[in-house]
Amino acid sequence: VVDMPPGTGDVQLTLTQKTLIDGAVVVSTPQEMALSDAR
């Protein structure tokens, strides 16, 4: 289980390029401000 950093930048892309990922779980709080980033 890999706890990823927030965001969608270099570190996230490196992870997808360095290992075969079988699946992802997305975490959000209920309010729209968080949901837009979860999208």
PDB file of all heavy atoms in Angstrom:
ATOM      1  N   VAL A   1       0.864  -1.185   0.000  1.00  0.00           N
ATOM      2  CA  VAL A   1       0.000   0.000   0.000  1.00  0.00           C
ATOM      3  C   VAL A   1       0.900   1.234   0.000  1.00  0.00           C
ATOM      4  O   VAL A   1       1.742   1.389   0.891  1.00  0.00           O
ATOM      5  CB  VAL A   1      -0.939   0.012   1.218  1.00  0.00           C
ATOM      6  CG1 VAL A   1      -1.770   1.300   1.239  1.00  0.00           C
ATOM      7  CG2 VAL A   1      -1.854  -1.202   1.200  1.00  0.00           C
ATOM      8  N   VAL A   2       0.719   2.095  -0.980  1.00  0.00           N
ATOM      9  CA  VAL A   2       1.557   3.288  -1.128  1.00  0.00           C
ATOM     10  C   VAL A   2       0.726   4.526  -0.793  1.00  0.00           C
ATOM     11  O   VAL A   2      -0.251   4.832  -1.482  1.00  0.00           O
ATOM     12  CB  VAL A   2       2.123   3.405  -2.550  1.00  0.00           C
ATOM     13  CG1 VAL A   2       3.036   4.623  -2.653  1.00  0.00           C
ATOM     14  CG2 VAL A   2       2.879   2.144  -2.933  1.00  0.00           C
ATOM     15  N   ASP A   3       1.119   5.220   0.250  1.00  0.00           N
ATOM     16  CA  ASP A   3       0.483   6.490   0.625  1.00  0.00           C
ATOM     17  C   ASP A   3       1.133   7.587  -0.199  1.00  0.00           C
ATOM     18  O   ASP A   3       2.254   8.007   0.071  1.00  0.00           O
ATOM     19  CB  ASP A   3       0.684   6.725   2.129  1.00  0.00           C
ATOM     20  CG  ASP A   3       0.134   8.056   2.591  1.00  0.00           C
ATOM     21  OD1 ASP A   3      -0.719   8.625   1.875  1.00  0.00           O
ATOM     22  OD2 ASP A   3       0.553   8.537   3.666  1.00  0.00           O
ATOM     23  N   MET A   4       0.434   8.054  -1.230  1.00  0.00           N
ATOM     24  CA  MET A   4       1.003   9.025  -2.157  1.00  0.00           C
ATOM     25  C   MET A   4       0.959  10.437  -1.595  1.00  0.00           C
ATOM     26  O   MET A   4       0.090  10.745  -0.758  1.00  0.00           O
ATOM     27  CB  MET A   4       0.247   8.988  -3.484  1.00  0.00           C
ATOM     28  CG  MET A   4       0.403   7.694  -4.241  1.00  0.00           C
ATOM     29  SD  MET A   4      -0.483   7.710  -5.814  1.00  0.00           S
ATOM     30  CE  MET A   4       0.518   8.864  -6.758  1.00  0.00           C
ATOM     31  N   PRO A   5       1.853  11.303  -2.039  1.00  0.00           N
ATOM     32  CA  PRO A   5       1.769  12.712  -1.632  1.00  0.00           C
ATOM     33  C   PRO A   5       0.567  13.371  -2.296  1.00  0.00           C
ATOM     34  O   PRO A   5       0.062  12.874  -3.312  1.00  0.00           O
ATOM     35  CB  PRO A   5       3.080  13.302  -2.142  1.00  0.00           C
ATOM     36  CG  PRO A   5       3.474  12.425  -3.280  1.00  0.00           C
ATOM     37  CD  PRO A   5       2.991  11.052  -2.939  1.00  0.00           C
ATOM     38  N   PRO A   6       0.098  14.487  -1.746  1.00  0.00           N
ATOM     39  CA  PRO A   6      -1.007  15.199  -2.400  1.00  0.00           C
ATOM     40  C   PRO A   6      -0.558  15.801  -3.727  1.00  0.00           C
ATOM     41  O   PRO A   6       0.623  16.059  -3.935  1.00  0.00           O
ATOM     42  CB  PRO A   6      -1.376  16.284  -1.385  1.00  0.00           C
ATOM     43  CG  PRO A   6      -0.133  16.483  -0.567  1.00  0.00           C
ATOM     44  CD  PRO A   6       0.530  15.142  -0.504  1.00  0.00           C
ATOM     45  N   GLY A   7      -1.511  16.012  -4.612  1.00  0.00           N
ATOM     46  CA  GLY A   7      -1.190  16.642  -5.879  1.00  0.00           C
ATOM     47  C   GLY A   7      -1.102  15.654  -7.028  1.00  0.00           C
ATOM     48  O   GLY A   7      -1.373  14.460  -6.882  1.00  0.00           O
ATOM     49  N   THR A   8      -0.673  16.166  -8.187  1.00  0.00           N
ATOM     50  CA  THR A   8      -0.582  15.350  -9.404  1.00  0.00           C
ATOM     51  C   THR A   8       0.685  15.731 -10.171  1.00  0.00           C
ATOM     52  O   THR A   8       0.638  16.021 -11.365  1.00  0.00           O
ATOM     53  CB  THR A   8      -1.822  15.563 -10.302  1.00  0.00           C
ATOM     54  OG1 THR A   8      -1.982  16.978 -10.553  1.00  0.00           O
ATOM     55  CG2 THR A   8      -3.076  15.048  -9.636  1.00  0.00           C
ATOM     56  N   GLY A   9       1.833  15.727  -9.476  1.00  0.00           N
ATOM     57  CA  GLY A   9       3.065  16.209 -10.086  1.00  0.00           C
ATOM     58  C   GLY A   9       4.123  15.154 -10.305  1.00  0.00           C
ATOM     59  O   GLY A   9       3.831  13.985 -10.568  1.00  0.00           O
ATOM     60  N   ASP A  10       5.399  15.575 -10.183  1.00  0.00           N
ATOM     61  CA  ASP A  10       6.541  14.727 -10.512  1.00  0.00           C
ATOM     62  C   ASP A  10       6.541  13.399  -9.768  1.00  0.00           C
ATOM     63  O   ASP A  10       6.776  12.345 -10.359  1.00  0.00           O
ATOM     64  CB  ASP A  10       7.850  15.465 -10.188  1.00  0.00           C
ATOM     65  CG  ASP A  10       8.187  16.541 -11.205  1.00  0.00           C
ATOM     66  OD1 ASP A  10       7.522  16.566 -12.250  1.00  0.00           O
ATOM     67  OD2 ASP A  10       9.091  17.344 -10.943  1.00  0.00           O
ATOM     68  N   VAL A  11       6.338  13.464  -8.445  1.00  0.00           N
ATOM     69  CA  VAL A  11       6.451  12.247  -7.641  1.00  0.00           C
ATOM     70  C   VAL A  11       5.383  11.237  -8.044  1.00  0.00           C
ATOM     71  O   VAL A  11       5.649  10.031  -8.156  1.00  0.00           O
ATOM     72  CB  VAL A  11       6.361  12.584  -6.143  1.00  0.00           C
ATOM     73  CG1 VAL A  11       6.371  11.319  -5.300  1.00  0.00           C
ATOM     74  CG2 VAL A  11       7.524  13.491  -5.729  1.00  0.00           C
ATOM     75  N   GLN A  12       4.165  11.717  -8.277  1.00  0.00           N
ATOM     76  CA  GLN A  12       3.091  10.811  -8.678  1.00  0.00           C
ATOM     77  C   GLN A  12       3.397  10.156 -10.030  1.00  0.00           C
ATOM     78  O   GLN A  12       3.192   8.950 -10.207  1.00  0.00           O
ATOM     79  CB  GLN A  12       1.760  11.576  -8.771  1.00  0.00           C
ATOM     80  CG  GLN A  12       1.183  11.992  -7.438  1.00  0.00           C
ATOM     81  CD  GLN A  12       1.793  13.287  -6.923  1.00  0.00           C
ATOM     82  OE1 GLN A  12       2.725  13.840  -7.500  1.00  0.00           O
ATOM     83  NE2 GLN A  12       1.264  13.776  -5.821  1.00  0.00           N
ATOM     84  N   LEU A  13       3.890  10.956 -10.980  1.00  0.00           N
ATOM     85  CA  LEU A  13       4.221  10.410 -12.291  1.00  0.00           C
ATOM     86  C   LEU A  13       5.385   9.424 -12.205  1.00  0.00           C
ATOM     87  O   LEU A  13       5.402   8.408 -12.892  1.00  0.00           O
ATOM     88  CB  LEU A  13       4.550  11.546 -13.260  1.00  0.00           C
ATOM     89  CG  LEU A  13       3.361  12.434 -13.650  1.00  0.00           C
ATOM     90  CD1 LEU A  13       3.839  13.603 -14.498  1.00  0.00           C
ATOM     91  CD2 LEU A  13       2.298  11.638 -14.387  1.00  0.00           C
ATOM     92  N   THR A  14       6.362   9.730 -11.363  1.00  0.00           N
ATOM     93  CA  THR A  14       7.491   8.809 -11.178  1.00  0.00           C
ATOM     94  C   THR A  14       7.001   7.454 -10.695  1.00  0.00           C
ATOM     95  O   THR A  14       7.454   6.405 -11.168  1.00  0.00           O
ATOM     96  CB  THR A  14       8.501   9.388 -10.168  1.00  0.00           C
ATOM     97  OG1 THR A  14       9.079  10.570 -10.716  1.00  0.00           O
ATOM     98  CG2 THR A  14       9.612   8.386  -9.868  1.00  0.00           C
ATOM     99  N   LEU A  15       6.066   7.473  -9.755  1.00  0.00           N
ATOM    100  CA  LEU A  15       5.548   6.218  -9.214  1.00  0.00           C
ATOM    101  C   LEU A  15       4.896   5.379 -10.304  1.00  0.00           C
ATOM    102  O   LEU A  15       5.127   4.173 -10.400  1.00  0.00           O
ATOM    103  CB  LEU A  15       4.547   6.510  -8.097  1.00  0.00           C
ATOM    104  CG  LEU A  15       4.015   5.299  -7.334  1.00  0.00           C
ATOM    105  CD1 LEU A  15       5.150   4.597  -6.607  1.00  0.00           C
ATOM    106  CD2 LEU A  15       2.940   5.717  -6.346  1.00  0.00           C
ATOM    107  N   THR A  16       4.097   6.021 -11.159  1.00  0.00           N
ATOM    108  CA  THR A  16       3.417   5.267 -12.212  1.00  0.00           C
ATOM    109  C   THR A  16       4.393   4.752 -13.258  1.00  0.00           C
ATOM    110  O   THR A  16       4.108   3.770 -13.949  1.00  0.00           O
ATOM    111  CB  THR A  16       2.342   6.134 -12.902  1.00  0.00           C
ATOM    112  OG1 THR A  16       2.959   7.260 -13.526  1.00  0.00           O
ATOM    113  CG2 THR A  16       1.303   6.614 -11.903  1.00  0.00           C
ATOM    114  N   GLN A  17       5.556   5.394 -13.371  1.00  0.00           N
ATOM    115  CA  GLN A  17       6.558   4.973 -14.349  1.00  0.00           C
ATOM    116  C   GLN A  17       7.525   3.937 -13.800  1.00  0.00           C
ATOM    117  O   GLN A  17       8.179   3.230 -14.564  1.00  0.00           O
ATOM    118  CB  GLN A  17       7.334   6.185 -14.857  1.00  0.00           C
ATOM    119  CG  GLN A  17       6.488   7.152 -15.677  1.00  0.00           C
ATOM    120  CD  GLN A  17       7.219   8.458 -15.966  1.00  0.00           C
ATOM    121  OE1 GLN A  17       8.315   8.692 -15.470  1.00  0.00           O
ATOM    122  NE2 GLN A  17       6.605   9.315 -16.759  1.00  0.00           N
ATOM    123  N   LYS A  18       7.631   3.836 -12.476  1.00  0.00           N
ATOM    124  CA  LYS A  18       8.615   2.955 -11.869  1.00  0.00           C
ATOM    125  C   LYS A  18       8.043   1.624 -11.417  1.00  0.00           C
ATOM    126  O   LYS A  18       8.794   0.684 -11.166  1.00  0.00           O
ATOM    127  CB  LYS A  18       9.282   3.653 -10.673  1.00  0.00           C
ATOM    128  CG  LYS A  18      10.151   4.850 -11.041  1.00  0.00           C
ATOM    129  CD  LYS A  18      11.327   4.451 -11.898  1.00  0.00           C
ATOM    130  CE  LYS A  18      12.218   5.644 -12.219  1.00  0.00           C
ATOM    131  NZ  LYS A  18      13.363   5.268 -13.078  1.00  0.00           N
ATOM    132  N   THR A  19       6.743   1.517 -11.260  1.00  0.00           N
ATOM    133  CA  THR A  19       6.171   0.251 -10.809  1.00  0.00           C
ATOM    134  C   THR A  19       4.817   0.025 -11.448  1.00  0.00           C
ATOM    135  O   THR A  19       4.083   0.978 -11.735  1.00  0.00           O
ATOM    136  CB  THR A  19       6.042   0.210  -9.274  1.00  0.00           C
ATOM    137  OG1 THR A  19       5.659  -1.105  -8.861  1.00  0.00           O
ATOM    138  CG2 THR A  19       5.015   1.201  -8.775  1.00  0.00           C
ATOM    139  N   LEU A  20       4.495  -1.224 -11.671  1.00  0.00           N
ATOM    140  CA  LEU A  20       3.186  -1.595 -12.183  1.00  0.00           C
ATOM    141  C   LEU A  20       2.179  -1.492 -11.046  1.00  0.00           C
ATOM    142  O   LEU A  20       2.323  -2.163 -10.027  1.00  0.00           O
ATOM    143  CB  LEU A  20       3.237  -3.023 -12.727  1.00  0.00           C
ATOM    144  CG  LEU A  20       1.967  -3.570 -13.367  1.00  0.00           C
ATOM    145  CD1 LEU A  20       1.585  -2.730 -14.577  1.00  0.00           C
ATOM    146  CD2 LEU A  20       2.185  -5.023 -13.771  1.00  0.00           C
ATOM    147  N   ILE A  21       1.197  -0.625 -11.204  1.00  0.00           N
ATOM    148  CA  ILE A  21       0.213  -0.380 -10.150  1.00  0.00           C
ATOM    149  C   ILE A  21      -1.066  -1.137 -10.473  1.00  0.00           C
ATOM    150  O   ILE A  21      -1.613  -1.017 -11.572  1.00  0.00           O
ATOM    151  CB  ILE A  21      -0.072   1.128 -10.013  1.00  0.00           C
ATOM    152  CG1 ILE A  21       1.215   1.874  -9.620  1.00  0.00           C
ATOM    153  CG2 ILE A  21      -1.166   1.385  -8.985  1.00  0.00           C
ATOM    154  CD1 ILE A  21       1.070   3.381  -9.649  1.00  0.00           C
ATOM    155  N   ASP A  22      -1.544  -1.905  -9.518  1.00  0.00           N
ATOM    156  CA  ASP A  22      -2.726  -2.737  -9.748  1.00  0.00           C
ATOM    157  C   ASP A  22      -4.029  -1.987  -9.509  1.00  0.00           C
ATOM    158  O   ASP A  22      -5.069  -2.394 -10.022  1.00  0.00           O
ATOM    159  CB  ASP A  22      -2.665  -3.971  -8.840  1.00  0.00           C
ATOM    160  CG  ASP A  22      -1.488  -4.858  -9.195  1.00  0.00           C
ATOM    161  OD1 ASP A  22      -1.604  -5.650 -10.142  1.00  0.00           O
ATOM    162  OD2 ASP A  22      -0.443  -4.751  -8.534  1.00  0.00           O
ATOM    163  N   GLY A  23      -3.989  -0.926  -8.726  1.00  0.00           N
ATOM    164  CA  GLY A  23      -5.208  -0.170  -8.489  1.00  0.00           C
ATOM    165  C   GLY A  23      -4.953   1.016  -7.586  1.00  0.00           C
ATOM    166  O   GLY A  23      -3.931   1.095  -6.894  1.00  0.00           O
ATOM    167  N   ALA A  24      -5.903   1.960  -7.615  1.00  0.00           N
ATOM    168  CA  ALA A  24      -5.773   3.182  -6.822  1.00  0.00           C
ATOM    169  C   ALA A  24      -7.052   3.420  -6.026  1.00  0.00           C
ATOM    170  O   ALA A  24      -8.151   3.095  -6.477  1.00  0.00           O
ATOM    171  CB  ALA A  24      -5.491   4.377  -7.724  1.00  0.00           C
ATOM    172  N   VAL A  25      -6.878   4.003  -4.854  1.00  0.00           N
ATOM    173  CA  VAL A  25      -7.991   4.443  -4.010  1.00  0.00           C
ATOM    174  C   VAL A  25      -7.873   5.953  -3.859  1.00  0.00           C
ATOM    175  O   VAL A  25      -6.772   6.471  -3.604  1.00  0.00           O
ATOM    176  CB  VAL A  25      -7.945   3.761  -2.629  1.00  0.00           C
ATOM    177  CG1 VAL A  25      -9.008   4.353  -1.705  1.00  0.00           C
ATOM    178  CG2 VAL A  25      -8.147   2.260  -2.766  1.00  0.00           C
ATOM    179  N   VAL A  26      -8.974   6.659  -4.034  1.00  0.00           N
ATOM    180  CA  VAL A  26      -8.992   8.119  -3.924  1.00  0.00           C
ATOM    181  C   VAL A  26      -9.737   8.501  -2.652  1.00  0.00           C
ATOM    182  O   VAL A  26     -10.831   7.978  -2.372  1.00  0.00           O
ATOM    183  CB  VAL A  26      -9.666   8.762  -5.147  1.00  0.00           C
ATOM    184  CG1 VAL A  26      -9.792  10.273  -4.971  1.00  0.00           C
ATOM    185  CG2 VAL A  26      -8.871   8.442  -6.410  1.00  0.00           C
ATOM    186  N   VAL A  27      -9.145   9.418  -1.870  1.00  0.00           N
ATOM    187  CA  VAL A  27      -9.724   9.867  -0.600  1.00  0.00           C
ATOM    188  C   VAL A  27     -10.174  11.313  -0.731  1.00  0.00           C
ATOM    189  O   VAL A  27      -9.461  12.149  -1.285  1.00  0.00           O
ATOM    190  CB  VAL A  27      -8.697   9.751   0.548  1.00  0.00           C
ATOM    191  CG1 VAL A  27      -9.314  10.197   1.875  1.00  0.00           C
ATOM    192  CG2 VAL A  27      -8.169   8.323   0.659  1.00  0.00           C
ATOM    193  N   SER A  28     -11.360  11.603  -0.204  1.00  0.00           N
ATOM    194  CA  SER A  28     -11.852  12.980  -0.208  1.00  0.00           C
ATOM    195  C   SER A  28     -12.699  13.217   1.035  1.00  0.00           C
ATOM    196  O   SER A  28     -13.216  12.276   1.643  1.00  0.00           O
ATOM    197  CB  SER A  28     -12.698  13.245  -1.460  1.00  0.00           C
ATOM    198  OG  SER A  28     -13.145  14.598  -1.486  1.00  0.00           O
ATOM    199  N   THR A  29     -12.821  14.469   1.408  1.00  0.00           N
ATOM    200  CA  THR A  29     -13.819  14.862   2.394  1.00  0.00           C
ATOM    201  C   THR A  29     -15.073  15.286   1.627  1.00  0.00           C
ATOM    202  O   THR A  29     -15.040  15.436   0.412  1.00  0.00           O
ATOM    203  CB  THR A  29     -13.283  15.997   3.287  1.00  0.00           C
ATOM    204  OG1 THR A  29     -12.693  17.006   2.454  1.00  0.00           O
ATOM    205  CG2 THR A  29     -12.231  15.476   4.252  1.00  0.00           C
ATOM    206  N   PRO A  30     -16.209  15.488   2.301  1.00  0.00           N
ATOM    207  CA  PRO A  30     -17.479  15.660   1.583  1.00  0.00           C
ATOM    208  C   PRO A  30     -17.639  16.969   0.820  1.00  0.00           C
ATOM    209  O   PRO A  30     -18.414  17.030  -0.132  1.00  0.00           O
ATOM    210  CB  PRO A  30     -18.537  15.557   2.698  1.00  0.00           C
ATOM    211  CG  PRO A  30     -17.850  14.914   3.852  1.00  0.00           C
ATOM    212  CD  PRO A  30     -16.423  15.336   3.754  1.00  0.00           C
ATOM    213  N   GLN A  31     -16.932  18.032   1.224  1.00  0.00           N
ATOM    214  CA  GLN A  31     -17.231  19.340   0.643  1.00  0.00           C
ATOM    215  C   GLN A  31     -16.657  19.483  -0.761  1.00  0.00           C
ATOM    216  O   GLN A  31     -15.682  18.842  -1.126  1.00  0.00           O
ATOM    217  CB  GLN A  31     -16.734  20.472   1.552  1.00  0.00           C
ATOM    218  CG  GLN A  31     -15.239  20.649   1.626  1.00  0.00           C
ATOM    219  CD  GLN A  31     -14.616  19.827   2.724  1.00  0.00           C
ATOM    220  OE1 GLN A  31     -14.971  18.683   2.958  1.00  0.00           O
ATOM    221  NE2 GLN A  31     -13.631  20.410   3.405  1.00  0.00           N
ATOM    222  N   GLU A  32     -17.242  20.361  -1.545  1.00  0.00           N
ATOM    223  CA  GLU A  32     -16.907  20.509  -2.959  1.00  0.00           C
ATOM    224  C   GLU A  32     -15.455  20.897  -3.174  1.00  0.00           C
ATOM    225  O   GLU A  32     -14.826  20.480  -4.157  1.00  0.00           O
ATOM    226  CB  GLU A  32     -17.832  21.547  -3.604  1.00  0.00           C
ATOM    227  CG  GLU A  32     -17.607  21.750  -5.097  1.00  0.00           C
ATOM    228  CD  GLU A  32     -17.749  20.466  -5.895  1.00  0.00           C
ATOM    229  OE1 GLU A  32     -18.620  19.647  -5.556  1.00  0.00           O
ATOM    230  OE2 GLU A  32     -16.966  20.274  -6.845  1.00  0.00           O
ATOM    231  N   MET A  33     -14.881  21.696  -2.280  1.00  0.00           N
ATOM    232  CA  MET A  33     -13.491  22.131  -2.448  1.00  0.00           C
ATOM    233  C   MET A  33     -12.548  20.931  -2.526  1.00  0.00           C
ATOM    234  O   MET A  33     -11.605  20.911  -3.323  1.00  0.00           O
ATOM    235  CB  MET A  33     -13.073  23.045  -1.287  1.00  0.00           C
ATOM    236  CG  MET A  33     -11.686  23.655  -1.453  1.00  0.00           C
ATOM    237  SD  MET A  33     -11.224  24.686  -0.054  1.00  0.00           S
ATOM    238  CE  MET A  33     -12.513  25.927  -0.108  1.00  0.00           C
ATOM    239  N   ALA A  34     -12.809  19.915  -1.688  1.00  0.00           N
ATOM    240  CA  ALA A  34     -11.977  18.711  -1.721  1.00  0.00           C
ATOM    241  C   ALA A  34     -12.341  17.818  -2.886  1.00  0.00           C
ATOM    242  O   ALA A  34     -11.476  17.192  -3.509  1.00  0.00           O
ATOM    243  CB  ALA A  34     -12.125  17.950  -0.405  1.00  0.00           C
ATOM    244  N   LEU A  35     -13.620  17.764  -3.222  1.00  0.00           N
ATOM    245  CA  LEU A  35     -14.071  16.877  -4.291  1.00  0.00           C
ATOM    246  C   LEU A  35     -13.495  17.272  -5.644  1.00  0.00           C
ATOM    247  O   LEU A  35     -13.186  16.412  -6.475  1.00  0.00           O
ATOM    248  CB  LEU A  35     -15.603  16.871  -4.351  1.00  0.00           C
ATOM    249  CG  LEU A  35     -16.310  16.223  -3.159  1.00  0.00           C
ATOM    250  CD1 LEU A  35     -17.797  16.527  -3.194  1.00  0.00           C
ATOM    251  CD2 LEU A  35     -16.068  14.717  -3.157  1.00  0.00           C
ATOM    252  N   SER A  36     -13.339  18.563  -5.896  1.00  0.00           N
ATOM    253  CA  SER A  36     -12.795  18.997  -7.184  1.00  0.00           C
ATOM    254  C   SER A  36     -11.372  18.492  -7.360  1.00  0.00           C
ATOM    255  O   SER A  36     -10.960  18.119  -8.469  1.00  0.00           O
ATOM    256  CB  SER A  36     -12.845  20.527  -7.291  1.00  0.00           C
ATOM    257  OG  SER A  36     -12.062  21.133  -6.273  1.00  0.00           O
ATOM    258  N   ASP A  37     -10.597  18.475  -6.267  1.00  0.00           N
ATOM    259  CA  ASP A  37      -9.231  17.957  -6.351  1.00  0.00           C
ATOM    260  C   ASP A  37      -9.229  16.441  -6.461  1.00  0.00           C
ATOM    261  O   ASP A  37      -8.359  15.851  -7.116  1.00  0.00           O
ATOM    262  CB  ASP A  37      -8.422  18.407  -5.137  1.00  0.00           C
ATOM    263  CG  ASP A  37      -8.131  19.901  -5.162  1.00  0.00           C
ATOM    264  OD1 ASP A  37      -7.496  20.355  -6.123  1.00  0.00           O
ATOM    265  OD2 ASP A  37      -8.553  20.610  -4.238  1.00  0.00           O
ATOM    266  N   ALA A  38     -10.189  15.788  -5.796  1.00  0.00           N
ATOM    267  CA  ALA A  38     -10.283  14.332  -5.914  1.00  0.00           C
ATOM    268  C   ALA A  38     -10.572  13.932  -7.357  1.00  0.00           C
ATOM    269  O   ALA A  38     -10.075  12.913  -7.854  1.00  0.00           O
ATOM    270  CB  ALA A  38     -11.375  13.808  -4.979  1.00  0.00           C
ATOM    271  N   ARG A  39     -11.386  14.731  -8.045  1.00  0.00           N
ATOM    272  CA  ARG A  39     -11.655  14.455  -9.468  1.00  0.00           C
ATOM    273  C   ARG A  39     -10.355  14.491 -10.272  1.00  0.00           C
ATOM    274  O   ARG A  39     -10.160  13.701 -11.197  1.00  0.00           O
ATOM    275  CB  ARG A  39     -12.634  15.486 -10.036  1.00  0.00           C
ATOM    276  CG  ARG A  39     -14.055  15.344  -9.530  1.00  0.00           C
ATOM    277  CD  ARG A  39     -15.003  16.255 -10.296  1.00  0.00           C
ATOM    278  NE  ARG A  39     -16.298  16.299  -9.644  1.00  0.00           N
ATOM    279  CZ  ARG A  39     -16.668  17.215  -8.753  1.00  0.00           C
ATOM    280  NH1 ARG A  39     -15.821  18.184  -8.418  1.00  0.00           N
ATOM    281  NH2 ARG A  39     -17.854  17.176  -8.208  1.00  0.00           N
TER     282      ARG A  39
END
